[in-house]
C-alpha cells in the first residue's frame, strides 16, 4: 500500500513538473508572438478612389479610412474637427495633389502630422493623371503599393501579391468592357462635349471629344454656360457628358437646349451603391449605354430596392406564393 502511495505521489510530482514546464513555455511564447505580429497599418485617403486602391493592396492587414465621401466635390471640401482626429495618428495620408491648396495642408498642420502626406501627383510623379482609364489606374496602384512597401516593409509580400491580383482584375475588366464596346455599346467615334475630368475614360472608350469645360456647376458663370451650348452645337456634339461630383444641372440644361442626350459619370465611387473602381467602370459604361443606346438604366430608381435586397425579397415572394398554394389545396380538399 505504501509503495502504491509513493508511486502515486511520484507521478503527481512528475505531472506537476510537466505542467509548470508547459506553462513556462506558453508564457515564454507570448512575447515572441507579439513581437512577430504584423505592424498596425494606419492609412487615410482623401478620396474614395484612393481608398479603394489602397485597400485592395492592404487587404486584411488594415482598414483605410477616407476623408471625403464619394458624393462630394473634393475641390470644395472644408475639413471638420473630426478629420483632425482621423489623420493625427496616420502613417500615410494618400492624396491626389489639388487637396493641399484647398484644405489638406491646414488639416495636417492642425493635426501636427504633415509628414504623413503622400501626393500621387507630386511625390509619386503622376502629375494630374486621370485615373478613369484602366491604364492610368494601374499607375496609381503601382505608386500606392510602392509607398506602402516603403512604410511597412514587413508586409511587402502581402502587399505585392494583393497588388498583382488587383492589377489582373483591372486588366480583365478592361478587356471585358472593350469587348462590350466593340460588340454592343459602339461608342467609338461618338461626338461628345464633356466636362474635362472624364477625358481619359471617354477617350479610352473611343468617344470623339469635340470640346470640354473645366469649371463645376457652383462656379460656372452665365457666359461659360452659353459657351457650352454654342461650342457643343458648332461641333455637332451628339451627347453632353458631365462629371457627377462637379455638378449635373448645367450640362443637362445645355443638352436639353440642344435636344441631345446628357449623362453624368462618376469620378469617385460612393454613389448609386457603387463601392469600388471596378464597379465604377461597369456603372459608367452601362450609363453611357443607357444614354446613347436606350440600354437599361443602371441607377436605382427612388422607389426601387438595392441589389442586396432583391434576392431576399424574391425568396419572401416565392415562399408566400408556395404557402398560398398549400392553403388553397387544403381548403379545396375540405370542400
C-alpha atoms as a PDB file:
ATOM      1  CA  UNK A   1       0.000   0.000   0.000  1.00  0.00           C
ATOM      2  CA  UNK A   2       2.853   2.361   0.945  1.00  0.00           C
ATOM      3  CA  UNK A   3       4.596   1.530  -2.319  1.00  0.00           C
ATOM      4  CA  UNK A   4       1.445   2.435  -4.199  1.00  0.00           C
ATOM      5  CA  UNK A   5       1.091   5.734  -2.340  1.00  0.00           C
ATOM      6  CA  UNK A   6       4.745   6.532  -3.025  1.00  0.00           C
ATOM      7  CA  UNK A   7       4.290   5.736  -6.700  1.00  0.00           C
ATOM      8  CA  UNK A   8       1.163   7.877  -6.905  1.00  0.00           C
ATOM      9  CA  UNK A   9       2.927  10.757  -5.125  1.00  0.00           C
ATOM     10  CA  UNK A  10       5.899  10.480  -7.502  1.00  0.00           C
ATOM     11  CA  UNK A  11       3.586  10.527 -10.516  1.00  0.00           C
ATOM     12  CA  UNK A  12       1.770  13.621  -9.184  1.00  0.00           C
ATOM     13  CA  UNK A  13       5.057  15.453  -8.676  1.00  0.00           C
ATOM     14  CA  UNK A  14       6.136  14.478 -12.193  1.00  0.00           C
ATOM     15  CA  UNK A  15       2.832  15.664 -13.642  1.00  0.00           C
ATOM     16  CA  UNK A  16       3.108  18.969 -11.816  1.00  0.00           C
ATOM     17  CA  UNK A  17       6.640  19.477 -13.130  1.00  0.00           C
ATOM     18  CA  UNK A  18       5.455  18.832 -16.681  1.00  0.00           C
ATOM     19  CA  UNK A  19       2.578  21.255 -16.131  1.00  0.00           C
ATOM     20  CA  UNK A  20       4.877  24.015 -14.865  1.00  0.00           C
ATOM     21  CA  UNK A  21       7.259  23.422 -17.746  1.00  0.00           C
ATOM     22  CA  UNK A  22       4.428  23.618 -20.252  1.00  0.00           C
ATOM     23  CA  UNK A  23       3.087  26.783 -18.615  1.00  0.00           C
ATOM     24  CA  UNK A  24       6.545  28.320 -18.727  1.00  0.00           C
ATOM     25  CA  UNK A  25       6.774  27.520 -22.445  1.00  0.00           C
ATOM     26  CA  UNK A  26       3.410  29.139 -23.095  1.00  0.00           C
ATOM     27  CA  UNK A  27       4.393  32.247 -21.137  1.00  0.00           C
ATOM     28  CA  UNK A  28       7.686  32.448 -22.980  1.00  0.00           C
ATOM     29  CA  UNK A  29       5.921  32.101 -26.325  1.00  0.00           C
ATOM     30  CA  UNK A  30       3.651  35.118 -25.822  1.00  0.00           C
ATOM     31  CA  UNK A  31       6.294  37.828 -26.292  1.00  0.00           C
ATOM     32  CA  UNK A  32       7.563  36.030 -29.401  1.00  0.00           C
ATOM     33  CA  UNK A  33       4.113  36.043 -30.950  1.00  0.00           C
ATOM     34  CA  UNK A  34       3.626  39.688 -30.002  1.00  0.00           C
ATOM     35  CA  UNK A  35       6.916  40.806 -31.472  1.00  0.00           C
ATOM     36  CA  UNK A  36       6.302  38.783 -34.632  1.00  0.00           C
ATOM     37  CA  UNK A  37       2.864  40.297 -35.142  1.00  0.00           C
ATOM     38  CA  UNK A  38       2.216  42.497 -38.189  1.00  0.00           C
ATOM     39  CA  UNK A  39       2.544  46.244 -37.587  1.00  0.00           C
ATOM     40  CA  UNK A  40      -0.619  48.289 -37.252  1.00  0.00           C
ATOM     41  CA  UNK A  41      -1.462  49.725 -40.686  1.00  0.00           C
ATOM     42  CA  UNK A  42      -2.751  53.267 -40.276  1.00  0.00           C
ATOM     43  CA  UNK A  43      -3.625  54.710 -43.678  1.00  0.00           C
ATOM     44  CA  UNK A  44      -6.008  57.523 -44.637  1.00  0.00           C
ATOM     45  CA  UNK A  45      -7.042  58.600 -48.151  1.00  0.00           C
ATOM     46  CA  UNK A  46      -8.599  61.902 -49.131  1.00  0.00           C
ATOM     47  CA  UNK A  47     -10.997  60.357 -51.687  1.00  0.00           C
ATOM     48  CA  UNK A  48     -12.894  57.120 -52.136  1.00  0.00           C
ATOM     49  CA  UNK A  49     -10.964  56.198 -55.280  1.00  0.00           C
ATOM     50  CA  UNK A  50      -7.631  56.360 -53.439  1.00  0.00           C
ATOM     51  CA  UNK A  51      -9.174  54.491 -50.530  1.00  0.00           C
ATOM     52  CA  UNK A  52     -10.224  51.681 -52.848  1.00  0.00           C
ATOM     53  CA  UNK A  53      -6.807  51.445 -54.499  1.00  0.00           C
ATOM     54  CA  UNK A  54      -5.027  51.375 -51.131  1.00  0.00           C
ATOM     55  CA  UNK A  55      -7.497  48.963 -49.544  1.00  0.00           C
ATOM     56  CA  UNK A  56      -7.170  46.484 -52.392  1.00  0.00           C
ATOM     57  CA  UNK A  57      -3.419  46.359 -51.736  1.00  0.00           C
ATOM     58  CA  UNK A  58      -3.586  46.336 -47.926  1.00  0.00           C
ATOM     59  CA  UNK A  59      -6.277  43.657 -47.868  1.00  0.00           C
ATOM     60  CA  UNK A  60      -6.963  42.280 -44.402  1.00  0.00           C
ATOM     61  CA  UNK A  61      -3.893  43.946 -42.875  1.00  0.00           C
ATOM     62  CA  UNK A  62      -5.803  47.140 -42.091  1.00  0.00           C
ATOM     63  CA  UNK A  63      -8.749  49.362 -42.955  1.00  0.00           C
ATOM     64  CA  UNK A  64      -8.216  52.523 -44.984  1.00  0.00           C
ATOM     65  CA  UNK A  65     -10.339  55.436 -43.811  1.00  0.00           C
ATOM     66  CA  UNK A  66     -11.486  58.247 -46.106  1.00  0.00           C
ATOM     67  CA  UNK A  67     -11.835  61.984 -45.553  1.00  0.00           C
ATOM     68  CA  UNK A  68     -14.163  62.942 -48.428  1.00  0.00           C
ATOM     69  CA  UNK A  69     -17.146  60.740 -49.223  1.00  0.00           C
ATOM     70  CA  UNK A  70     -17.896  59.865 -52.842  1.00  0.00           C
ATOM     71  CA  UNK A  71     -20.832  62.206 -53.391  1.00  0.00           C
ATOM     72  CA  UNK A  72     -18.859  65.354 -52.535  1.00  0.00           C
ATOM     73  CA  UNK A  73     -16.645  67.518 -54.723  1.00  0.00           C
ATOM     74  CA  UNK A  74     -13.068  67.235 -53.382  1.00  0.00           C
ATOM     75  CA  UNK A  75     -12.199  70.636 -54.788  1.00  0.00           C
ATOM     76  CA  UNK A  76     -14.595  72.383 -52.388  1.00  0.00           C
ATOM     77  CA  UNK A  77     -14.096  70.367 -49.224  1.00  0.00           C
ATOM     78  CA  UNK A  78     -13.830  72.030 -45.803  1.00  0.00           C
ATOM     79  CA  UNK A  79     -12.368  69.830 -43.106  1.00  0.00           C
ATOM     80  CA  UNK A  80     -14.066  69.324 -39.759  1.00  0.00           C
ATOM     81  CA  UNK A  81     -12.672  68.758 -36.230  1.00  0.00           C
ATOM     82  CA  UNK A  82     -13.374  65.042 -36.612  1.00  0.00           C
ATOM     83  CA  UNK A  83     -10.990  64.976 -39.586  1.00  0.00           C
ATOM     84  CA  UNK A  84      -8.164  66.108 -37.309  1.00  0.00           C
ATOM     85  CA  UNK A  85      -8.693  63.021 -35.160  1.00  0.00           C
ATOM     86  CA  UNK A  86      -8.805  60.950 -38.334  1.00  0.00           C
ATOM     87  CA  UNK A  87      -5.347  61.953 -39.561  1.00  0.00           C
ATOM     88  CA  UNK A  88      -3.346  62.756 -36.444  1.00  0.00           C
ATOM     89  CA  UNK A  89      -2.100  59.181 -35.958  1.00  0.00           C
ATOM     90  CA  UNK A  90      -1.933  58.160 -39.642  1.00  0.00           C
ATOM     91  CA  UNK A  91       1.322  56.829 -41.043  1.00  0.00           C
ATOM     92  CA  UNK A  92       0.229  57.769 -44.574  1.00  0.00           C
ATOM     93  CA  UNK A  93      -2.360  60.178 -45.951  1.00  0.00           C
ATOM     94  CA  UNK A  94      -2.703  59.486 -49.673  1.00  0.00           C
ATOM     95  CA  UNK A  95      -3.950  62.442 -51.714  1.00  0.00           C
ATOM     96  CA  UNK A  96      -4.125  63.466 -55.381  1.00  0.00           C
ATOM     97  CA  UNK A  97      -2.380  66.831 -55.227  1.00  0.00           C
ATOM     98  CA  UNK A  98      -5.038  69.514 -55.580  1.00  0.00           C
ATOM     99  CA  UNK A  99      -6.248  68.975 -51.981  1.00  0.00           C
ATOM    100  CA  UNK A 100      -3.125  70.522 -50.492  1.00  0.00           C
ATOM    101  CA  UNK A 101      -4.039  74.035 -51.569  1.00  0.00           C
ATOM    102  CA  UNK A 102      -7.710  73.730 -50.623  1.00  0.00           C
ATOM    103  CA  UNK A 103      -7.731  72.055 -47.210  1.00  0.00           C
ATOM    104  CA  UNK A 104      -5.174  69.296 -46.626  1.00  0.00           C
ATOM    105  CA  UNK A 105      -2.181  71.398 -45.582  1.00  0.00           C
ATOM    106  CA  UNK A 106      -4.274  73.190 -42.965  1.00  0.00           C
ATOM    107  CA  UNK A 107      -5.778  69.900 -41.789  1.00  0.00           C
ATOM    108  CA  UNK A 108      -2.441  68.119 -41.368  1.00  0.00           C
ATOM    109  CA  UNK A 109      -0.931  71.195 -39.748  1.00  0.00           C
ATOM    110  CA  UNK A 110      -3.742  71.248 -37.209  1.00  0.00           C
ATOM    111  CA  UNK A 111      -3.167  67.525 -36.599  1.00  0.00           C
ATOM    112  CA  UNK A 112       0.619  68.079 -36.397  1.00  0.00           C
ATOM    113  CA  UNK A 113       1.151  65.296 -38.924  1.00  0.00           C
ATOM    114  CA  UNK A 114       2.430  66.922 -42.119  1.00  0.00           C
ATOM    115  CA  UNK A 115       4.989  64.143 -42.660  1.00  0.00           C
ATOM    116  CA  UNK A 116       2.211  61.628 -43.361  1.00  0.00           C
ATOM    117  CA  UNK A 117       1.118  63.362 -46.579  1.00  0.00           C
ATOM    118  CA  UNK A 118       1.878  61.496 -49.811  1.00  0.00           C
ATOM    119  CA  UNK A 119       0.825  63.098 -53.094  1.00  0.00           C
ATOM    120  CA  UNK A 120       0.182  60.895 -56.097  1.00  0.00           C
ATOM    121  CA  UNK A 121       0.671  63.960 -58.314  1.00  0.00           C
ATOM    122  CA  UNK A 122       3.975  65.149 -56.881  1.00  0.00           C
ATOM    123  CA  UNK A 123       5.584  62.578 -54.570  1.00  0.00           C
ATOM    124  CA  UNK A 124       4.721  59.719 -56.926  1.00  0.00           C
ATOM    125  CA  UNK A 125       5.324  61.850 -60.021  1.00  0.00           C
ATOM    126  CA  UNK A 126       1.992  61.166 -61.739  1.00  0.00           C
ATOM    127  CA  UNK A 127       1.091  64.801 -62.250  1.00  0.00           C
ATOM    128  CA  UNK A 128      -2.624  65.276 -62.780  1.00  0.00           C
ATOM    129  CA  UNK A 129      -3.131  61.925 -64.451  1.00  0.00           C
ATOM    130  CA  UNK A 130      -6.804  60.957 -64.641  1.00  0.00           C
ATOM    131  CA  UNK A 131      -7.442  57.532 -63.130  1.00  0.00           C
ATOM    132  CA  UNK A 132     -10.667  56.838 -65.052  1.00  0.00           C
ATOM    133  CA  UNK A 133      -8.977  54.847 -67.819  1.00  0.00           C
ATOM    134  CA  UNK A 134      -7.698  51.421 -66.676  1.00  0.00           C
ATOM    135  CA  UNK A 135      -4.174  52.024 -67.994  1.00  0.00           C
ATOM    136  CA  UNK A 136      -3.935  55.115 -65.794  1.00  0.00           C
ATOM    137  CA  UNK A 137      -5.432  53.368 -62.777  1.00  0.00           C
ATOM    138  CA  UNK A 138      -2.585  50.857 -62.916  1.00  0.00           C
ATOM    139  CA  UNK A 139      -0.113  53.722 -62.440  1.00  0.00           C
ATOM    140  CA  UNK A 140      -1.897  54.786 -59.271  1.00  0.00           C
ATOM    141  CA  UNK A 141      -1.970  51.232 -57.943  1.00  0.00           C
ATOM    142  CA  UNK A 142       1.763  50.766 -58.538  1.00  0.00           C
ATOM    143  CA  UNK A 143       2.623  54.086 -56.880  1.00  0.00           C
ATOM    144  CA  UNK A 144       0.471  53.363 -53.828  1.00  0.00           C
ATOM    145  CA  UNK A 145       1.891  49.867 -53.491  1.00  0.00           C
ATOM    146  CA  UNK A 146       5.455  51.186 -53.656  1.00  0.00           C
ATOM    147  CA  UNK A 147       4.866  53.688 -50.847  1.00  0.00           C
ATOM    148  CA  UNK A 148       3.100  51.102 -48.704  1.00  0.00           C
ATOM    149  CA  UNK A 149       6.087  48.797 -49.148  1.00  0.00           C
ATOM    150  CA  UNK A 150       8.442  51.562 -48.032  1.00  0.00           C
ATOM    151  CA  UNK A 151       6.338  52.353 -44.974  1.00  0.00           C
ATOM    152  CA  UNK A 152       5.592  48.760 -43.908  1.00  0.00           C
ATOM    153  CA  UNK A 153       8.494  46.593 -45.168  1.00  0.00           C
ATOM    154  CA  UNK A 154       7.428  43.588 -43.100  1.00  0.00           C
ATOM    155  CA  UNK A 155       4.235  43.386 -45.196  1.00  0.00           C
ATOM    156  CA  UNK A 156       5.888  43.644 -48.627  1.00  0.00           C
ATOM    157  CA  UNK A 157       4.988  40.135 -49.725  1.00  0.00           C
ATOM    158  CA  UNK A 158       1.320  40.555 -48.859  1.00  0.00           C
ATOM    159  CA  UNK A 159       1.114  43.973 -50.498  1.00  0.00           C
ATOM    160  CA  UNK A 160       2.845  42.821 -53.678  1.00  0.00           C
ATOM    161  CA  UNK A 161       0.624  39.754 -54.008  1.00  0.00           C
ATOM    162  CA  UNK A 162      -2.542  41.805 -53.472  1.00  0.00           C
ATOM    163  CA  UNK A 163      -1.292  44.459 -55.879  1.00  0.00           C
ATOM    164  CA  UNK A 164      -0.609  41.911 -58.632  1.00  0.00           C
ATOM    165  CA  UNK A 165      -4.041  40.342 -58.122  1.00  0.00           C
ATOM    166  CA  UNK A 166      -5.817  43.709 -58.270  1.00  0.00           C
ATOM    167  CA  UNK A 167      -3.960  44.722 -61.420  1.00  0.00           C
ATOM    168  CA  UNK A 168      -5.054  41.470 -63.056  1.00  0.00           C
ATOM    169  CA  UNK A 169      -8.662  42.300 -62.157  1.00  0.00           C
ATOM    170  CA  UNK A 170      -8.311  45.749 -63.706  1.00  0.00           C
ATOM    171  CA  UNK A 171      -6.877  44.298 -66.911  1.00  0.00           C
ATOM    172  CA  UNK A 172      -9.642  41.689 -67.068  1.00  0.00           C
ATOM    173  CA  UNK A 173     -12.270  44.418 -66.665  1.00  0.00           C
ATOM    174  CA  UNK A 174     -10.530  46.488 -69.345  1.00  0.00           C
ATOM    175  CA  UNK A 175     -10.747  43.620 -71.845  1.00  0.00           C
ATOM    176  CA  UNK A 176     -14.348  42.882 -70.859  1.00  0.00           C
ATOM    177  CA  UNK A 177     -15.535  46.449 -71.441  1.00  0.00           C
ATOM    178  CA  UNK A 178     -13.562  46.828 -74.660  1.00  0.00           C
ATOM    179  CA  UNK A 179     -15.281  43.684 -75.949  1.00  0.00           C
ATOM    180  CA  UNK A 180     -18.705  45.040 -74.940  1.00  0.00           C
ATOM    181  CA  UNK A 181     -17.902  48.330 -76.637  1.00  0.00           C
ATOM    182  CA  UNK A 182     -16.909  46.570 -79.837  1.00  0.00           C
ATOM    183  CA  UNK A 183     -19.956  44.318 -79.968  1.00  0.00           C
ATOM    184  CA  UNK A 184     -22.754  46.146 -78.132  1.00  0.00           C
ATOM    185  CA  UNK A 185     -22.016  49.687 -76.954  1.00  0.00           C
ATOM    186  CA  UNK A 186     -20.435  51.029 -80.171  1.00  0.00           C
ATOM    187  CA  UNK A 187     -19.182  54.253 -78.549  1.00  0.00           C
ATOM    188  CA  UNK A 188     -16.258  54.627 -80.945  1.00  0.00           C
ATOM    189  CA  UNK A 189     -16.488  57.849 -82.945  1.00  0.00           C
ATOM    190  CA  UNK A 190     -19.447  59.263 -80.984  1.00  0.00           C
ATOM    191  CA  UNK A 191     -19.066  63.035 -80.751  1.00  0.00           C
ATOM    192  CA  UNK A 192     -19.170  64.203 -77.158  1.00  0.00           C
ATOM    193  CA  UNK A 193     -18.844  67.572 -75.463  1.00  0.00           C
ATOM    194  CA  UNK A 194     -17.635  66.839 -71.954  1.00  0.00           C
ATOM    195  CA  UNK A 195     -16.587  68.004 -68.504  1.00  0.00           C
ATOM    196  CA  UNK A 196     -12.836  67.509 -68.829  1.00  0.00           C
ATOM    197  CA  UNK A 197     -12.437  65.352 -65.689  1.00  0.00           C
ATOM    198  CA  UNK A 198     -13.833  62.475 -67.775  1.00  0.00           C
ATOM    199  CA  UNK A 199     -11.437  62.925 -70.718  1.00  0.00           C
ATOM    200  CA  UNK A 200      -9.222  59.873 -70.100  1.00  0.00           C
ATOM    201  CA  UNK A 201     -12.143  57.497 -69.520  1.00  0.00           C
ATOM    202  CA  UNK A 202     -14.090  58.641 -72.592  1.00  0.00           C
ATOM    203  CA  UNK A 203     -11.031  58.675 -74.828  1.00  0.00           C
ATOM    204  CA  UNK A 204     -10.312  55.077 -73.816  1.00  0.00           C
ATOM    205  CA  UNK A 205     -13.852  54.092 -74.853  1.00  0.00           C
ATOM    206  CA  UNK A 206     -13.368  55.687 -78.261  1.00  0.00           C
ATOM    207  CA  UNK A 207     -15.506  58.827 -77.979  1.00  0.00           C
ATOM    208  CA  UNK A 208     -14.578  61.732 -80.214  1.00  0.00           C
ATOM    209  CA  UNK A 209     -14.150  64.673 -77.836  1.00  0.00           C
ATOM    210  CA  UNK A 210     -15.365  67.816 -79.629  1.00  0.00           C
ATOM    211  CA  UNK A 211     -14.736  70.159 -76.687  1.00  0.00           C
ATOM    212  CA  UNK A 212     -14.797  70.407 -72.914  1.00  0.00           C
ATOM    213  CA  UNK A 213     -15.304  72.693 -69.912  1.00  0.00           C
ATOM    214  CA  UNK A 214     -13.421  72.655 -66.622  1.00  0.00           C
ATOM    215  CA  UNK A 215     -15.499  74.515 -64.044  1.00  0.00           C
ATOM    216  CA  UNK A 216     -18.016  72.926 -61.714  1.00  0.00           C
ATOM    217  CA  UNK A 217     -21.662  73.942 -61.563  1.00  0.00           C
ATOM    218  CA  UNK A 218     -21.214  76.112 -58.462  1.00  0.00           C
ATOM    219  CA  UNK A 219     -18.501  78.196 -60.140  1.00  0.00           C
ATOM    220  CA  UNK A 220     -19.974  78.405 -63.648  1.00  0.00           C
ATOM    221  CA  UNK A 221     -20.941  81.821 -64.996  1.00  0.00           C
ATOM    222  CA  UNK A 222     -23.737  82.526 -67.437  1.00  0.00           C
ATOM    223  CA  UNK A 223     -21.132  83.238 -70.113  1.00  0.00           C
ATOM    224  CA  UNK A 224     -19.448  79.866 -69.573  1.00  0.00           C
ATOM    225  CA  UNK A 225     -22.817  78.130 -69.706  1.00  0.00           C
ATOM    226  CA  UNK A 226     -23.556  79.836 -73.030  1.00  0.00           C
ATOM    227  CA  UNK A 227     -20.165  78.714 -74.330  1.00  0.00           C
ATOM    228  CA  UNK A 228     -21.035  75.077 -73.638  1.00  0.00           C
ATOM    229  CA  UNK A 229     -24.225  75.371 -75.673  1.00  0.00           C
ATOM    230  CA  UNK A 230     -22.582  77.212 -78.557  1.00  0.00           C
ATOM    231  CA  UNK A 231     -19.488  75.019 -78.802  1.00  0.00           C
ATOM    232  CA  UNK A 232     -21.427  71.776 -78.464  1.00  0.00           C
ATOM    233  CA  UNK A 233     -23.766  72.976 -81.199  1.00  0.00           C
ATOM    234  CA  UNK A 234     -20.986  74.134 -83.527  1.00  0.00           C
ATOM    235  CA  UNK A 235     -19.069  70.852 -83.154  1.00  0.00           C
ATOM    236  CA  UNK A 236     -22.192  68.740 -83.786  1.00  0.00           C
ATOM    237  CA  UNK A 237     -21.913  67.012 -80.420  1.00  0.00           C
ATOM    238  CA  UNK A 238     -24.202  64.016 -80.066  1.00  0.00           C
ATOM    239  CA  UNK A 239     -24.108  63.931 -76.263  1.00  0.00           C
ATOM    240  CA  UNK A 240     -23.046  66.122 -73.356  1.00  0.00           C
ATOM    241  CA  UNK A 241     -21.246  64.243 -70.607  1.00  0.00           C
ATOM    242  CA  UNK A 242     -20.853  65.683 -67.106  1.00  0.00           C
ATOM    243  CA  UNK A 243     -18.799  64.687 -64.102  1.00  0.00           C
ATOM    244  CA  UNK A 244     -21.185  63.786 -61.264  1.00  0.00           C
ATOM    245  CA  UNK A 245     -19.052  65.204 -58.453  1.00  0.00           C
ATOM    246  CA  UNK A 246     -18.676  68.523 -60.342  1.00  0.00           C
ATOM    247  CA  UNK A 247     -22.416  69.008 -60.820  1.00  0.00           C
ATOM    248  CA  UNK A 248     -25.085  67.689 -63.155  1.00  0.00           C
ATOM    249  CA  UNK A 249     -27.527  70.532 -63.759  1.00  0.00           C
ATOM    250  CA  UNK A 250     -25.704  72.857 -66.164  1.00  0.00           C
ATOM    251  CA  UNK A 251     -24.677  70.170 -68.623  1.00  0.00           C
ATOM    252  CA  UNK A 252     -28.164  68.663 -68.558  1.00  0.00           C
ATOM    253  CA  UNK A 253     -29.732  72.066 -69.261  1.00  0.00           C
ATOM    254  CA  UNK A 254     -27.346  72.665 -72.157  1.00  0.00           C
ATOM    255  CA  UNK A 255     -28.180  69.272 -73.663  1.00  0.00           C
ATOM    256  CA  UNK A 256     -31.885  69.947 -73.245  1.00  0.00           C
ATOM    257  CA  UNK A 257     -31.464  73.232 -75.112  1.00  0.00           C
ATOM    258  CA  UNK A 258     -29.750  71.389 -77.978  1.00  0.00           C
ATOM    259  CA  UNK A 259     -32.102  68.409 -77.969  1.00  0.00           C
ATOM    260  CA  UNK A 260     -29.352  65.834 -77.361  1.00  0.00           C
ATOM    261  CA  UNK A 261     -28.868  63.354 -74.511  1.00  0.00           C
ATOM    262  CA  UNK A 262     -26.777  64.072 -71.434  1.00  0.00           C
ATOM    263  CA  UNK A 263     -25.302  61.851 -68.758  1.00  0.00           C
ATOM    264  CA  UNK A 264     -23.278  62.372 -65.559  1.00  0.00           C
ATOM    265  CA  UNK A 265     -20.487  59.848 -64.959  1.00  0.00           C
ATOM    266  CA  UNK A 266     -18.864  59.051 -61.626  1.00  0.00           C
ATOM    267  CA  UNK A 267     -15.283  60.026 -60.909  1.00  0.00           C
ATOM    268  CA  UNK A 268     -15.331  58.569 -57.392  1.00  0.00           C
ATOM    269  CA  UNK A 269     -17.140  55.506 -56.021  1.00  0.00           C
ATOM    270  CA  UNK A 270     -19.663  56.019 -53.258  1.00  0.00           C
ATOM    271  CA  UNK A 271     -22.793  56.948 -55.220  1.00  0.00           C
ATOM    272  CA  UNK A 272     -25.624  54.721 -56.539  1.00  0.00           C
ATOM    273  CA  UNK A 273     -24.287  51.773 -54.470  1.00  0.00           C
ATOM    274  CA  UNK A 274     -21.031  51.853 -56.473  1.00  0.00           C
ATOM    275  CA  UNK A 275     -18.341  51.000 -53.923  1.00  0.00           C
ATOM    276  CA  UNK A 276     -15.163  50.344 -55.924  1.00  0.00           C
ATOM    277  CA  UNK A 277     -13.200  51.342 -59.013  1.00  0.00           C
ATOM    278  CA  UNK A 278     -14.134  48.161 -60.876  1.00  0.00           C
ATOM    279  CA  UNK A 279     -17.825  48.723 -60.136  1.00  0.00           C
ATOM    280  CA  UNK A 280     -17.426  52.317 -61.277  1.00  0.00           C
ATOM    281  CA  UNK A 281     -16.076  51.185 -64.650  1.00  0.00           C
ATOM    282  CA  UNK A 282     -19.088  48.920 -65.141  1.00  0.00           C
ATOM    283  CA  UNK A 283     -21.524  51.573 -63.959  1.00  0.00           C
ATOM    284  CA  UNK A 284     -20.189  54.377 -66.162  1.00  0.00           C
ATOM    285  CA  UNK A 285     -20.123  52.187 -69.263  1.00  0.00           C
ATOM    286  CA  UNK A 286     -23.671  50.989 -68.588  1.00  0.00           C
ATOM    287  CA  UNK A 287     -24.850  54.561 -68.006  1.00  0.00           C
ATOM    288  CA  UNK A 288     -23.397  55.648 -71.343  1.00  0.00           C
ATOM    289  CA  UNK A 289     -25.137  52.680 -72.973  1.00  0.00           C
ATOM    290  CA  UNK A 290     -28.398  53.860 -71.413  1.00  0.00           C
ATOM    291  CA  UNK A 291     -27.905  57.420 -72.682  1.00  0.00           C
ATOM    292  CA  UNK A 292     -26.735  56.553 -76.197  1.00  0.00           C
ATOM    293  CA  UNK A 293     -28.431  53.249 -76.994  1.00  0.00           C
ATOM    294  CA  UNK A 294     -31.538  53.158 -74.767  1.00  0.00           C
ATOM    295  CA  UNK A 295     -29.973  50.418 -72.700  1.00  0.00           C
ATOM    296  CA  UNK A 296     -31.187  49.659 -69.172  1.00  0.00           C
ATOM    297  CA  UNK A 297     -30.581  52.413 -66.625  1.00  0.00           C
ATOM    298  CA  UNK A 298     -28.081  51.129 -64.024  1.00  0.00           C
ATOM    299  CA  UNK A 299     -29.115  53.756 -61.465  1.00  0.00           C
ATOM    300  CA  UNK A 300     -31.544  52.554 -58.801  1.00  0.00           C
ATOM    301  CA  UNK A 301     -34.829  54.452 -59.043  1.00  0.00           C
ATOM    302  CA  UNK A 302     -36.202  56.229 -55.988  1.00  0.00           C
ATOM    303  CA  UNK A 303     -38.771  53.506 -55.435  1.00  0.00           C
ATOM    304  CA  UNK A 304     -36.569  50.553 -56.228  1.00  0.00           C
ATOM    305  CA  UNK A 305     -34.676  48.262 -53.918  1.00  0.00           C
ATOM    306  CA  UNK A 306     -30.966  47.669 -53.916  1.00  0.00           C
ATOM    307  CA  UNK A 307     -29.425  44.553 -55.438  1.00  0.00           C
ATOM    308  CA  UNK A 308     -28.562  43.326 -51.957  1.00  0.00           C
ATOM    309  CA  UNK A 309     -32.288  43.110 -51.131  1.00  0.00           C
ATOM    310  CA  UNK A 310     -33.587  41.725 -54.400  1.00  0.00           C
ATOM    311  CA  UNK A 311     -32.742  38.096 -53.612  1.00  0.00           C
ATOM    312  CA  UNK A 312     -34.266  38.114 -50.092  1.00  0.00           C
ATOM    313  CA  UNK A 313     -37.401  39.789 -51.445  1.00  0.00           C
ATOM    314  CA  UNK A 314     -37.661  37.196 -54.201  1.00  0.00           C
ATOM    315  CA  UNK A 315     -37.367  34.470 -51.580  1.00  0.00           C
ATOM    316  CA  UNK A 316     -40.139  36.027 -49.482  1.00  0.00           C
ATOM    317  CA  UNK A 317     -42.417  36.271 -52.506  1.00  0.00           C
ATOM    318  CA  UNK A 318     -41.650  32.691 -53.505  1.00  0.00           C
ATOM    319  CA  UNK A 319     -42.361  31.385 -50.001  1.00  0.00           C
ATOM    320  CA  UNK A 320     -45.554  33.436 -49.806  1.00  0.00           C
ATOM    321  CA  UNK A 321     -46.808  32.017 -53.103  1.00  0.00           C
ATOM    322  CA  UNK A 322     -45.927  28.477 -52.015  1.00  0.00           C
ATOM    323  CA  UNK A 323     -47.809  28.876 -48.727  1.00  0.00           C
ATOM    324  CA  UNK A 324     -50.816  30.274 -50.560  1.00  0.00           C
ATOM    325  CA  UNK A 325     -50.876  27.260 -52.905  1.00  0.00           C
ATOM    326  CA  UNK A 326     -50.688  24.827 -49.992  1.00  0.00           C
ATOM    327  CA  UNK A 327     -53.502  26.578 -48.094  1.00  0.00           C
ATOM    328  CA  UNK A 328     -55.619  26.692 -51.253  1.00  0.00           C
ATOM    329  CA  UNK A 329     -55.183  22.957 -51.814  1.00  0.00           C
ATOM    330  CA  UNK A 330     -56.081  22.141 -48.212  1.00  0.00           C
ATOM    331  CA  UNK A 331     -59.194  24.274 -48.457  1.00  0.00           C
ATOM    332  CA  UNK A 332     -60.115  22.616 -51.737  1.00  0.00           C
ATOM    333  CA  UNK A 333     -59.828  19.137 -50.155  1.00  0.00           C
ATOM    334  CA  UNK A 334     -62.125  20.132 -47.282  1.00  0.00           C
ATOM    335  CA  UNK A 335     -64.720  21.332 -49.745  1.00  0.00           C
END
